[in-house]
Amino acid sequence: MKNLLLSNSFKKLVSFLLLTFAYTNLSAQQSVSDVEMADAMRANGMIYVVVAVAAIAMIGLLAYVFATDRKIARIEKELKDK
């Protein structure tokens, strides 16, 4: 049962990451030189702050989703055992 849970979680994670990267690739079709704000942030070095905040937010969301998934799986198992 634990292997099944790990494989389902792994499949969900891989699917999520693939969809996220596909969306990022599709939304990145705009020319980078057209965005003045991005040029200014890159020049000031602030782009790294933006990337770090976005990464922390994504990690937090993923942790929340996996914790919730584990809790739901545990509750479903308890209900099934009764």
PDB file of N, CA and C in Angstrom:
ATOM      1  N   MET A   1       0.828  -1.187   0.000  1.00  0.00           N
ATOM      2  CA  MET A   1       0.000   0.000   0.000  1.00  0.00           C
ATOM      3  C   MET A   1       0.875   1.255   0.000  1.00  0.00           C
ATOM      4  N   LYS A   2       1.982   1.210   0.758  1.00  0.00           N
ATOM      5  CA  LYS A   2       2.851   2.376   0.821  1.00  0.00           C
ATOM      6  C   LYS A   2       3.503   2.652  -0.535  1.00  0.00           C
ATOM      7  N   ASN A   3       3.890   1.601  -1.244  1.00  0.00           N
ATOM      8  CA  ASN A   3       4.470   1.777  -2.567  1.00  0.00           C
ATOM      9  C   ASN A   3       3.469   2.401  -3.522  1.00  0.00           C
ATOM     10  N   LEU A   4       2.198   2.012  -3.394  1.00  0.00           N
ATOM     11  CA  LEU A   4       1.156   2.576  -4.243  1.00  0.00           C
ATOM     12  C   LEU A   4       0.987   4.057  -3.944  1.00  0.00           C
ATOM     13  N   LEU A   5       1.015   4.419  -2.668  1.00  0.00           N
ATOM     14  CA  LEU A   5       0.885   5.823  -2.284  1.00  0.00           C
ATOM     15  C   LEU A   5       2.067   6.634  -2.793  1.00  0.00           C
ATOM     16  N   LEU A   6       3.260   6.089  -2.663  1.00  0.00           N
ATOM     17  CA  LEU A   6       4.438   6.795  -3.157  1.00  0.00           C
ATOM     18  C   LEU A   6       4.405   6.936  -4.667  1.00  0.00           C
ATOM     19  N   SER A   7       3.968   5.912  -5.342  1.00  0.00           N
ATOM     20  CA  SER A   7       3.941   5.996  -6.795  1.00  0.00           C
ATOM     21  C   SER A   7       2.877   6.983  -7.256  1.00  0.00           C
ATOM     22  N   ASN A   8       1.721   7.038  -6.575  1.00  0.00           N
ATOM     23  CA  ASN A   8       0.692   8.015  -6.936  1.00  0.00           C
ATOM     24  C   ASN A   8       1.181   9.427  -6.673  1.00  0.00           C
ATOM     25  N   SER A   9       1.832   9.634  -5.538  1.00  0.00           N
ATOM     26  CA  SER A   9       2.364  10.957  -5.228  1.00  0.00           C
ATOM     27  C   SER A   9       3.444  11.345  -6.225  1.00  0.00           C
ATOM     28  N   PHE A  10       4.279  10.389  -6.569  1.00  0.00           N
ATOM     29  CA  PHE A  10       5.335  10.669  -7.537  1.00  0.00           C
ATOM     30  C   PHE A  10       4.744  11.011  -8.899  1.00  0.00           C
ATOM     31  N   LYS A  11       3.716  10.280  -9.298  1.00  0.00           N
ATOM     32  CA  LYS A  11       3.062  10.563 -10.576  1.00  0.00           C
ATOM     33  C   LYS A  11       2.435  11.953 -10.566  1.00  0.00           C
ATOM     34  N   LYS A  12       1.820  12.317  -9.456  1.00  0.00           N
ATOM     35  CA  LYS A  12       1.218  13.640  -9.349  1.00  0.00           C
ATOM     36  C   LYS A  12       2.281  14.726  -9.434  1.00  0.00           C
ATOM     37  N   LEU A  13       3.402  14.517  -8.756  1.00  0.00           N
ATOM     38  CA  LEU A  13       4.477  15.499  -8.770  1.00  0.00           C
ATOM     39  C   LEU A  13       5.053  15.651 -10.171  1.00  0.00           C
ATOM     40  N   VAL A  14       5.304  14.553 -10.831  1.00  0.00           N
ATOM     41  CA  VAL A  14       5.862  14.614 -12.184  1.00  0.00           C
ATOM     42  C   VAL A  14       4.886  15.295 -13.129  1.00  0.00           C
ATOM     43  N   SER A  15       3.608  14.968 -13.020  1.00  0.00           N
ATOM     44  CA  SER A  15       2.598  15.601 -13.871  1.00  0.00           C
ATOM     45  C   SER A  15       2.540  17.096 -13.619  1.00  0.00           C
ATOM     46  N   PHE A  16       2.555  17.486 -12.354  1.00  0.00           N
ATOM     47  CA  PHE A  16       2.512  18.901 -11.999  1.00  0.00           C
ATOM     48  C   PHE A  16       3.717  19.641 -12.561  1.00  0.00           C
ATOM     49  N   LEU A  17       4.894  19.074 -12.399  1.00  0.00           N
ATOM     50  CA  LEU A  17       6.103  19.730 -12.890  1.00  0.00           C
ATOM     51  C   LEU A  17       6.115  19.828 -14.412  1.00  0.00           C
ATOM     52  N   LEU A  18       5.672  18.790 -15.092  1.00  0.00           N
ATOM     53  CA  LEU A  18       5.629  18.834 -16.555  1.00  0.00           C
ATOM     54  C   LEU A  18       4.654  19.903 -17.046  1.00  0.00           C
ATOM     55  N   LEU A  19       3.488  19.970 -16.411  1.00  0.00           N
ATOM     56  CA  LEU A  19       2.515  20.990 -16.806  1.00  0.00           C
ATOM     57  C   LEU A  19       3.034  22.388 -16.504  1.00  0.00           C
ATOM     58  N   THR A  20       3.710  22.550 -15.378  1.00  0.00           N
ATOM     59  CA  THR A  20       4.259  23.858 -15.015  1.00  0.00           C
ATOM     60  C   THR A  20       5.326  24.280 -16.015  1.00  0.00           C
ATOM     61  N   PHE A  21       6.221  23.367 -16.363  1.00  0.00           N
ATOM     62  CA  PHE A  21       7.272  23.716 -17.313  1.00  0.00           C
ATOM     63  C   PHE A  21       6.707  23.962 -18.705  1.00  0.00           C
ATOM     64  N   ALA A  22       5.672  23.209 -19.082  1.00  0.00           N
ATOM     65  CA  ALA A  22       5.046  23.421 -20.395  1.00  0.00           C
ATOM     66  C   ALA A  22       4.401  24.804 -20.442  1.00  0.00           C
ATOM     67  N   TYR A  23       3.718  25.190 -19.377  1.00  0.00           N
ATOM     68  CA  TYR A  23       3.090  26.514 -19.332  1.00  0.00           C
ATOM     69  C   TYR A  23       4.149  27.607 -19.360  1.00  0.00           C
ATOM     70  N   THR A  24       5.220  27.415 -18.623  1.00  0.00           N
ATOM     71  CA  THR A  24       6.291  28.405 -18.593  1.00  0.00           C
ATOM     72  C   THR A  24       6.895  28.570 -19.985  1.00  0.00           C
ATOM     73  N   ASN A  25       7.082  27.476 -20.675  1.00  0.00           N
ATOM     74  CA  ASN A  25       7.637  27.530 -22.018  1.00  0.00           C
ATOM     75  C   ASN A  25       6.684  28.256 -22.961  1.00  0.00           C
ATOM     76  N   LEU A  26       5.392  28.002 -22.837  1.00  0.00           N
ATOM     77  CA  LEU A  26       4.419  28.652 -23.709  1.00  0.00           C
ATOM     78  C   LEU A  26       4.295  30.136 -23.409  1.00  0.00           C
ATOM     79  N   SER A  27       4.362  30.504 -22.138  1.00  0.00           N
ATOM     80  CA  SER A  27       4.215  31.914 -21.783  1.00  0.00           C
ATOM     81  C   SER A  27       5.510  32.695 -22.022  1.00  0.00           C
ATOM     82  N   ALA A  28       6.599  32.010 -22.280  1.00  0.00           N
ATOM     83  CA  ALA A  28       7.880  32.679 -22.494  1.00  0.00           C
ATOM     84  C   ALA A  28       8.105  33.025 -23.959  1.00  0.00           C
ATOM     85  N   GLN A  29       7.073  32.964 -24.775  1.00  0.00           N
ATOM     86  CA  GLN A  29       7.224  33.233 -26.191  1.00  0.00           C
ATOM     87  C   GLN A  29       7.390  34.716 -26.490  1.00  0.00           C
ATOM     88  N   GLN A  30       7.020  35.574 -25.541  1.00  0.00           N
ATOM     89  CA  GLN A  30       7.187  37.006 -25.750  1.00  0.00           C
ATOM     90  C   GLN A  30       8.677  37.349 -25.725  1.00  0.00           C
ATOM     91  N   SER A  31       9.048  38.298 -26.535  1.00  0.00           N
ATOM     92  CA  SER A  31      10.444  38.696 -26.597  1.00  0.00           C
ATOM     93  C   SER A  31      10.866  39.308 -25.271  1.00  0.00           C
ATOM     94  N   VAL A  32      12.013  38.899 -24.766  1.00  0.00           N
ATOM     95  CA  VAL A  32      12.497  39.376 -23.476  1.00  0.00           C
ATOM     96  C   VAL A  32      12.888  40.848 -23.553  1.00  0.00           C
ATOM     97  N   SER A  33      13.348  41.294 -24.686  1.00  0.00           N
ATOM     98  CA  SER A  33      13.795  42.674 -24.803  1.00  0.00           C
ATOM     99  C   SER A  33      12.634  43.663 -24.766  1.00  0.00           C
ATOM    100  N   ASP A  34      11.384  43.190 -24.934  1.00  0.00           N
ATOM    101  CA  ASP A  34      10.227  44.067 -24.912  1.00  0.00           C
ATOM    102  C   ASP A  34       9.819  44.453 -23.487  1.00  0.00           C
ATOM    103  N   VAL A  35      10.290  43.750 -22.494  1.00  0.00           N
ATOM    104  CA  VAL A  35       9.866  43.980 -21.114  1.00  0.00           C
ATOM    105  C   VAL A  35      10.909  44.848 -20.414  1.00  0.00           C
ATOM    106  N   GLU A  36      10.582  46.124 -20.225  1.00  0.00           N
ATOM    107  CA  GLU A  36      11.534  47.054 -19.606  1.00  0.00           C
ATOM    108  C   GLU A  36      11.730  46.767 -18.126  1.00  0.00           C
ATOM    109  N   MET A  37      10.651  46.363 -17.438  1.00  0.00           N
ATOM    110  CA  MET A  37      10.755  46.092 -16.016  1.00  0.00           C
ATOM    111  C   MET A  37      11.744  44.947 -15.762  1.00  0.00           C
ATOM    112  N   ALA A  38      11.706  43.928 -16.596  1.00  0.00           N
ATOM    113  CA  ALA A  38      12.623  42.800 -16.433  1.00  0.00           C
ATOM    114  C   ALA A  38      14.066  43.243 -16.640  1.00  0.00           C
ATOM    115  N   ASP A  39      14.286  44.134 -17.603  1.00  0.00           N
ATOM    116  CA  ASP A  39      15.641  44.648 -17.825  1.00  0.00           C
ATOM    117  C   ASP A  39      16.144  45.410 -16.605  1.00  0.00           C
ATOM    118  N   ALA A  40      15.262  46.231 -16.029  1.00  0.00           N
ATOM    119  CA  ALA A  40      15.653  47.011 -14.848  1.00  0.00           C
ATOM    120  C   ALA A  40      15.939  46.094 -13.664  1.00  0.00           C
ATOM    121  N   MET A  41      15.112  45.071 -13.480  1.00  0.00           N
ATOM    122  CA  MET A  41      15.320  44.151 -12.351  1.00  0.00           C
ATOM    123  C   MET A  41      16.593  43.347 -12.547  1.00  0.00           C
ATOM    124  N   ARG A  42      16.872  42.958 -13.781  1.00  0.00           N
ATOM    125  CA  ARG A  42      18.111  42.232 -14.050  1.00  0.00           C
ATOM    126  C   ARG A  42      19.320  43.126 -13.801  1.00  0.00           C
ATOM    127  N   ALA A  43      19.221  44.372 -14.188  1.00  0.00           N
ATOM    128  CA  ALA A  43      20.335  45.304 -14.000  1.00  0.00           C
ATOM    129  C   ALA A  43      20.590  45.556 -12.519  1.00  0.00           C
ATOM    130  N   ASN A  44      19.526  45.618 -11.717  1.00  0.00           N
ATOM    131  CA  ASN A  44      19.679  45.860 -10.279  1.00  0.00           C
ATOM    132  C   ASN A  44      19.970  44.587  -9.488  1.00  0.00           C
ATOM    133  N   GLY A  45      19.862  43.443 -10.125  1.00  0.00           N
ATOM    134  CA  GLY A  45      20.072  42.187  -9.422  1.00  0.00           C
ATOM    135  C   GLY A  45      18.855  41.741  -8.635  1.00  0.00           C
ATOM    136  N   MET A  46      17.722  42.402  -8.807  1.00  0.00           N
ATOM    137  CA  MET A  46      16.517  42.069  -8.059  1.00  0.00           C
ATOM    138  C   MET A  46      15.777  40.869  -8.653  1.00  0.00           C
ATOM    139  N   ILE A  47      16.126  40.466  -9.853  1.00  0.00           N
ATOM    140  CA  ILE A  47      15.452  39.330 -10.473  1.00  0.00           C
ATOM    141  C   ILE A  47      15.657  38.067  -9.645  1.00  0.00           C
ATOM    142  N   TYR A  48      16.794  37.974  -8.963  1.00  0.00           N
ATOM    143  CA  TYR A  48      17.058  36.809  -8.123  1.00  0.00           C
ATOM    144  C   TYR A  48      16.127  36.773  -6.919  1.00  0.00           C
ATOM    145  N   VAL A  49      15.764  37.946  -6.408  1.00  0.00           N
ATOM    146  CA  VAL A  49      14.813  38.020  -5.298  1.00  0.00           C
ATOM    147  C   VAL A  49      13.448  37.527  -5.770  1.00  0.00           C
ATOM    148  N   VAL A  50      13.040  37.937  -6.951  1.00  0.00           N
ATOM    149  CA  VAL A  50      11.754  37.513  -7.499  1.00  0.00           C
ATOM    150  C   VAL A  50      11.738  36.006  -7.708  1.00  0.00           C
ATOM    151  N   VAL A  51      12.806  35.472  -8.261  1.00  0.00           N
ATOM    152  CA  VAL A  51      12.883  34.030  -8.490  1.00  0.00           C
ATOM    153  C   VAL A  51      12.875  33.282  -7.165  1.00  0.00           C
ATOM    154  N   ALA A  52      13.577  33.778  -6.171  1.00  0.00           N
ATOM    155  CA  ALA A  52      13.617  33.119  -4.861  1.00  0.00           C
ATOM    156  C   ALA A  52      12.234  33.121  -4.204  1.00  0.00           C
ATOM    157  N   VAL A  53      11.536  34.238  -4.267  1.00  0.00           N
ATOM    158  CA  VAL A  53      10.201  34.314  -3.670  1.00  0.00           C
ATOM    159  C   VAL A  53       9.244  33.375  -4.391  1.00  0.00           C
ATOM    160  N   ALA A  54       9.318  33.333  -5.716  1.00  0.00           N
ATOM    161  CA  ALA A  54       8.460  32.422  -6.477  1.00  0.00           C
ATOM    162  C   ALA A  54       8.778  30.966  -6.142  1.00  0.00           C
ATOM    163  N   ALA A  55      10.048  30.647  -5.998  1.00  0.00           N
ATOM    164  CA  ALA A  55      10.440  29.272  -5.659  1.00  0.00           C
ATOM    165  C   ALA A  55       9.959  28.894  -4.269  1.00  0.00           C
ATOM    166  N   ILE A  56      10.085  29.803  -3.313  1.00  0.00           N
ATOM    167  CA  ILE A  56       9.622  29.530  -1.958  1.00  0.00           C
ATOM    168  C   ILE A  56       8.114  29.332  -1.946  1.00  0.00           C
ATOM    169  N   ALA A  57       7.390  30.148  -2.699  1.00  0.00           N
ATOM    170  CA  ALA A  57       5.937  30.002  -2.773  1.00  0.00           C
ATOM    171  C   ALA A  57       5.555  28.654  -3.372  1.00  0.00           C
ATOM    172  N   MET A  58       6.244  28.233  -4.426  1.00  0.00           N
ATOM    173  CA  MET A  58       5.946  26.940  -5.047  1.00  0.00           C
ATOM    174  C   MET A  58       6.269  25.783  -4.100  1.00  0.00           C
ATOM    175  N   ILE A  59       7.380  25.877  -3.401  1.00  0.00           N
ATOM    176  CA  ILE A  59       7.742  24.826  -2.445  1.00  0.00           C
ATOM    177  C   ILE A  59       6.707  24.744  -1.336  1.00  0.00           C
ATOM    178  N   GLY A  60       6.260  25.892  -0.850  1.00  0.00           N
ATOM    179  CA  GLY A  60       5.227  25.914   0.182  1.00  0.00           C
ATOM    180  C   GLY A  60       3.924  25.301  -0.294  1.00  0.00           C
ATOM    181  N   LEU A  61       3.516  25.627  -1.510  1.00  0.00           N
ATOM    182  CA  LEU A  61       2.287  25.052  -2.057  1.00  0.00           C
ATOM    183  C   LEU A  61       2.407  23.543  -2.236  1.00  0.00           C
ATOM    184  N   LEU A  62       3.544  23.101  -2.740  1.00  0.00           N
ATOM    185  CA  LEU A  62       3.748  21.659  -2.913  1.00  0.00           C
ATOM    186  C   LEU A  62       3.742  20.930  -1.564  1.00  0.00           C
ATOM    187  N   ALA A  63       4.381  21.515  -0.568  1.00  0.00           N
ATOM    188  CA  ALA A  63       4.396  20.900   0.760  1.00  0.00           C
ATOM    189  C   ALA A  63       2.977  20.812   1.311  1.00  0.00           C
ATOM    190  N   TYR A  64       2.189  21.863   1.130  1.00  0.00           N
ATOM    191  CA  TYR A  64       0.807  21.866   1.601  1.00  0.00           C
ATOM    192  C   TYR A  64      -0.012  20.791   0.891  1.00  0.00           C
ATOM    193  N   VAL A  65       0.147  20.682  -0.416  1.00  0.00           N
ATOM    194  CA  VAL A  65      -0.613  19.691  -1.187  1.00  0.00           C
ATOM    195  C   VAL A  65      -0.240  18.283  -0.756  1.00  0.00           C
ATOM    196  N   PHE A  66       1.038  17.997  -0.590  1.00  0.00           N
ATOM    197  CA  PHE A  66       1.443  16.655  -0.183  1.00  0.00           C
ATOM    198  C   PHE A  66       1.020  16.341   1.242  1.00  0.00           C
ATOM    199  N   ALA A  67       1.087  17.319   2.144  1.00  0.00           N
ATOM    200  CA  ALA A  67       0.645  17.084   3.517  1.00  0.00           C
ATOM    201  C   ALA A  67      -0.857  16.803   3.552  1.00  0.00           C
ATOM    202  N   THR A  68      -1.615  17.559   2.781  1.00  0.00           N
ATOM    203  CA  THR A  68      -3.056  17.343   2.718  1.00  0.00           C
ATOM    204  C   THR A  68      -3.370  15.981   2.106  1.00  0.00           C
ATOM    205  N   ASP A  69      -2.636  15.603   1.079  1.00  0.00           N
ATOM    206  CA  ASP A  69      -2.838  14.303   0.447  1.00  0.00           C
ATOM    207  C   ASP A  69      -2.570  13.173   1.427  1.00  0.00           C
ATOM    208  N   ARG A  70      -1.518  13.301   2.208  1.00  0.00           N
ATOM    209  CA  ARG A  70      -1.198  12.268   3.207  1.00  0.00           C
ATOM    210  C   ARG A  70      -2.270  12.174   4.271  1.00  0.00           C
ATOM    211  N   LYS A  71      -2.779  13.328   4.732  1.00  0.00           N
ATOM    212  CA  LYS A  71      -3.843  13.320   5.747  1.00  0.00           C
ATOM    213  C   LYS A  71      -5.106  12.673   5.206  1.00  0.00           C
ATOM    214  N   ILE A  72      -5.464  13.007   3.984  1.00  0.00           N
ATOM    215  CA  ILE A  72      -6.666  12.427   3.380  1.00  0.00           C
ATOM    216  C   ILE A  72      -6.495  10.922   3.198  1.00  0.00           C
ATOM    217  N   ALA A  73      -5.321  10.498   2.767  1.00  0.00           N
ATOM    218  CA  ALA A  73      -5.063   9.064   2.597  1.00  0.00           C
ATOM    219  C   ALA A  73      -5.163   8.335   3.935  1.00  0.00           C
ATOM    220  N   ARG A  74      -4.654   8.934   4.992  1.00  0.00           N
ATOM    221  CA  ARG A  74      -4.715   8.318   6.314  1.00  0.00           C
ATOM    222  C   ARG A  74      -6.163   8.206   6.787  1.00  0.00           C
ATOM    223  N   ILE A  75      -6.952   9.248   6.571  1.00  0.00           N
ATOM    224  CA  ILE A  75      -8.362   9.221   6.976  1.00  0.00           C
ATOM    225  C   ILE A  75      -9.129   8.178   6.156  1.00  0.00           C
ATOM    226  N   GLU A  76      -8.862   8.108   4.851  1.00  0.00           N
ATOM    227  CA  GLU A  76      -9.516   7.105   4.007  1.00  0.00           C
ATOM    228  C   GLU A  76      -9.160   5.693   4.465  1.00  0.00           C
ATOM    229  N   LYS A  77      -7.908   5.482   4.851  1.00  0.00           N
ATOM    230  CA  LYS A  77      -7.485   4.170   5.326  1.00  0.00           C
ATOM    231  C   LYS A  77      -8.204   3.817   6.621  1.00  0.00           C
ATOM    232  N   GLU A  78      -8.327   4.804   7.541  1.00  0.00           N
ATOM    233  CA  GLU A  78      -9.023   4.543   8.800  1.00  0.00           C
ATOM    234  C   GLU A  78     -10.489   4.210   8.552  1.00  0.00           C
ATOM    235  N   LEU A  79     -11.118   4.898   7.636  1.00  0.00           N
ATOM    236  CA  LEU A  79     -12.528   4.637   7.319  1.00  0.00           C
ATOM    237  C   LEU A  79     -12.694   3.276   6.643  1.00  0.00           C
ATOM    238  N   LYS A  80     -11.727   2.910   5.817  1.00  0.00           N
ATOM    239  CA  LYS A  80     -11.798   1.629   5.129  1.00  0.00           C
ATOM    240  C   LYS A  80     -11.606   0.482   6.106  1.00  0.00           C
ATOM    241  N   ASP A  81     -10.757   0.664   7.122  1.00  0.00           N
ATOM    242  CA  ASP A  81     -10.487  -0.386   8.094  1.00  0.00           C
ATOM    243  C   ASP A  81     -11.662  -0.630   9.032  1.00  0.00           C
ATOM    244  N   LYS A  82     -12.499   0.359   9.215  1.00  0.00           N
ATOM    245  CA  LYS A  82     -13.635   0.209  10.144  1.00  0.00           C
ATOM    246  C   LYS A  82     -14.691  -0.653   9.601  1.00  0.00           C
TER     247      LYS A  82
END
